[in-house]
Amino acid sequence: MSDEHGATRSGGFIGNTRQFLTDVRAETRKVTWPQRKEAMAGTIGVVVIVAIISVVLGLIDFGLAKAVSVVMP
């Protein structure tokens, strides 16, 4: 028998939670985790790209603020 959320009543809340955590653990063990070197390279790449985009957007913002201050003194 299922309730309105699709959970079976036979296991109850504790049983369903235990089954969920067991499934999560099994799926986590299947994950291929990156090596430390790969993770660091990806992190550094993201930080560099974010820094570049931040500078570009900052310059655009500065330019638009100057343009607005010239048009509307």
C-alpha atoms as a PDB file:
ATOM      1  CA  MET A   1       0.000   0.000   0.000  1.00  0.00           C
ATOM      2  CA  SER A   2       1.337   3.443  -0.919  1.00  0.00           C
ATOM      3  CA  ASP A   3       0.555   6.812   0.605  1.00  0.00           C
ATOM      4  CA  GLU A   4       0.029  10.066  -1.324  1.00  0.00           C
ATOM      5  CA  HIS A   5       3.785  10.608  -1.801  1.00  0.00           C
ATOM      6  CA  GLY A   6       4.456   7.167  -3.259  1.00  0.00           C
ATOM      7  CA  ALA A   7       6.231   5.765  -0.178  1.00  0.00           C
ATOM      8  CA  THR A   8       5.281   2.311   0.970  1.00  0.00           C
ATOM      9  CA  ARG A   9       3.739   2.058   4.404  1.00  0.00           C
ATOM     10  CA  SER A  10       5.225  -1.326   5.169  1.00  0.00           C
ATOM     11  CA  GLY A  11       8.677   0.137   5.901  1.00  0.00           C
ATOM     12  CA  GLY A  12       7.497   3.232   7.700  1.00  0.00           C
ATOM     13  CA  PHE A  13       9.526   6.381   8.039  1.00  0.00           C
ATOM     14  CA  ILE A  14      12.528   4.721   9.698  1.00  0.00           C
ATOM     15  CA  GLY A  15      12.616   1.859   7.205  1.00  0.00           C
ATOM     16  CA  ASN A  16      12.312   4.202   4.229  1.00  0.00           C
ATOM     17  CA  THR A  17      15.037   6.462   5.613  1.00  0.00           C
ATOM     18  CA  ARG A  18      17.346   3.496   6.219  1.00  0.00           C
ATOM     19  CA  GLN A  19      16.720   2.227   2.669  1.00  0.00           C
ATOM     20  CA  PHE A  20      17.364   5.696   1.229  1.00  0.00           C
ATOM     21  CA  LEU A  21      20.672   6.034   3.085  1.00  0.00           C
ATOM     22  CA  THR A  22      21.692   2.519   2.001  1.00  0.00           C
ATOM     23  CA  ASP A  23      20.953   3.431  -1.626  1.00  0.00           C
ATOM     24  CA  VAL A  24      22.876   6.701  -1.315  1.00  0.00           C
ATOM     25  CA  ARG A  25      25.886   4.875   0.089  1.00  0.00           C
ATOM     26  CA  ALA A  26      25.783   2.306  -2.722  1.00  0.00           C
ATOM     27  CA  GLU A  27      25.557   5.014  -5.397  1.00  0.00           C
ATOM     28  CA  THR A  28      28.368   7.041  -3.786  1.00  0.00           C
ATOM     29  CA  ARG A  29      30.658   4.028  -4.008  1.00  0.00           C
ATOM     30  CA  LYS A  30      30.018   3.851  -7.775  1.00  0.00           C
ATOM     31  CA  VAL A  31      31.262   7.414  -8.321  1.00  0.00           C
ATOM     32  CA  THR A  32      34.647   7.832  -9.958  1.00  0.00           C
ATOM     33  CA  TRP A  33      36.239  10.585  -7.916  1.00  0.00           C
ATOM     34  CA  PRO A  34      38.881  12.815  -9.561  1.00  0.00           C
ATOM     35  CA  GLN A  35      42.471  12.696  -8.413  1.00  0.00           C
ATOM     36  CA  ARG A  36      43.673  15.581  -6.249  1.00  0.00           C
ATOM     37  CA  LYS A  37      45.675  17.046  -9.144  1.00  0.00           C
ATOM     38  CA  GLU A  38      42.630  17.042 -11.447  1.00  0.00           C
ATOM     39  CA  ALA A  39      40.425  18.627  -8.797  1.00  0.00           C
ATOM     40  CA  MET A  40      42.977  21.380  -8.122  1.00  0.00           C
ATOM     41  CA  ALA A  41      43.367  22.090 -11.854  1.00  0.00           C
ATOM     42  CA  GLY A  42      39.594  22.376 -12.266  1.00  0.00           C
ATOM     43  CA  THR A  43      39.291  24.624  -9.230  1.00  0.00           C
ATOM     44  CA  ILE A  44      42.082  26.910 -10.408  1.00  0.00           C
ATOM     45  CA  GLY A  45      40.484  27.092 -13.858  1.00  0.00           C
ATOM     46  CA  VAL A  46      37.150  28.116 -12.382  1.00  0.00           C
ATOM     47  CA  VAL A  47      38.758  30.763 -10.142  1.00  0.00           C
ATOM     48  CA  VAL A  48      40.675  32.242 -13.109  1.00  0.00           C
ATOM     49  CA  ILE A  49      37.574  32.388 -15.314  1.00  0.00           C
ATOM     50  CA  VAL A  50      35.514  33.974 -12.518  1.00  0.00           C
ATOM     51  CA  ALA A  51      38.258  36.569 -11.955  1.00  0.00           C
ATOM     52  CA  ILE A  52      38.402  37.437 -15.665  1.00  0.00           C
ATOM     53  CA  ILE A  53      34.622  37.750 -15.945  1.00  0.00           C
ATOM     54  CA  SER A  54      34.534  39.874 -12.782  1.00  0.00           C
ATOM     55  CA  VAL A  55      37.114  42.291 -14.182  1.00  0.00           C
ATOM     56  CA  VAL A  56      35.305  42.539 -17.526  1.00  0.00           C
ATOM     57  CA  LEU A  57      31.929  43.148 -15.878  1.00  0.00           C
ATOM     58  CA  GLY A  58      33.517  45.658 -13.485  1.00  0.00           C
ATOM     59  CA  LEU A  59      34.969  47.600 -16.434  1.00  0.00           C
ATOM     60  CA  ILE A  60      31.628  47.544 -18.230  1.00  0.00           C
ATOM     61  CA  ASP A  61      29.891  48.752 -15.080  1.00  0.00           C
ATOM     62  CA  PHE A  62      32.462  51.525 -14.603  1.00  0.00           C
ATOM     63  CA  GLY A  63      32.094  52.617 -18.243  1.00  0.00           C
ATOM     64  CA  LEU A  64      28.300  52.629 -18.095  1.00  0.00           C
ATOM     65  CA  ALA A  65      28.353  54.595 -14.811  1.00  0.00           C
ATOM     66  CA  LYS A  66      30.612  57.210 -16.429  1.00  0.00           C
ATOM     67  CA  ALA A  67      28.371  57.358 -19.508  1.00  0.00           C
ATOM     68  CA  VAL A  68      25.265  57.856 -17.357  1.00  0.00           C
ATOM     69  CA  SER A  69      26.973  60.563 -15.311  1.00  0.00           C
ATOM     70  CA  VAL A  70      27.881  62.421 -18.534  1.00  0.00           C
ATOM     71  CA  VAL A  71      24.354  62.135 -19.954  1.00  0.00           C
ATOM     72  CA  MET A  72      22.575  62.944 -16.684  1.00  0.00           C
ATOM     73  CA  PRO A  73      24.725  65.404 -14.720  1.00  0.00           C
END
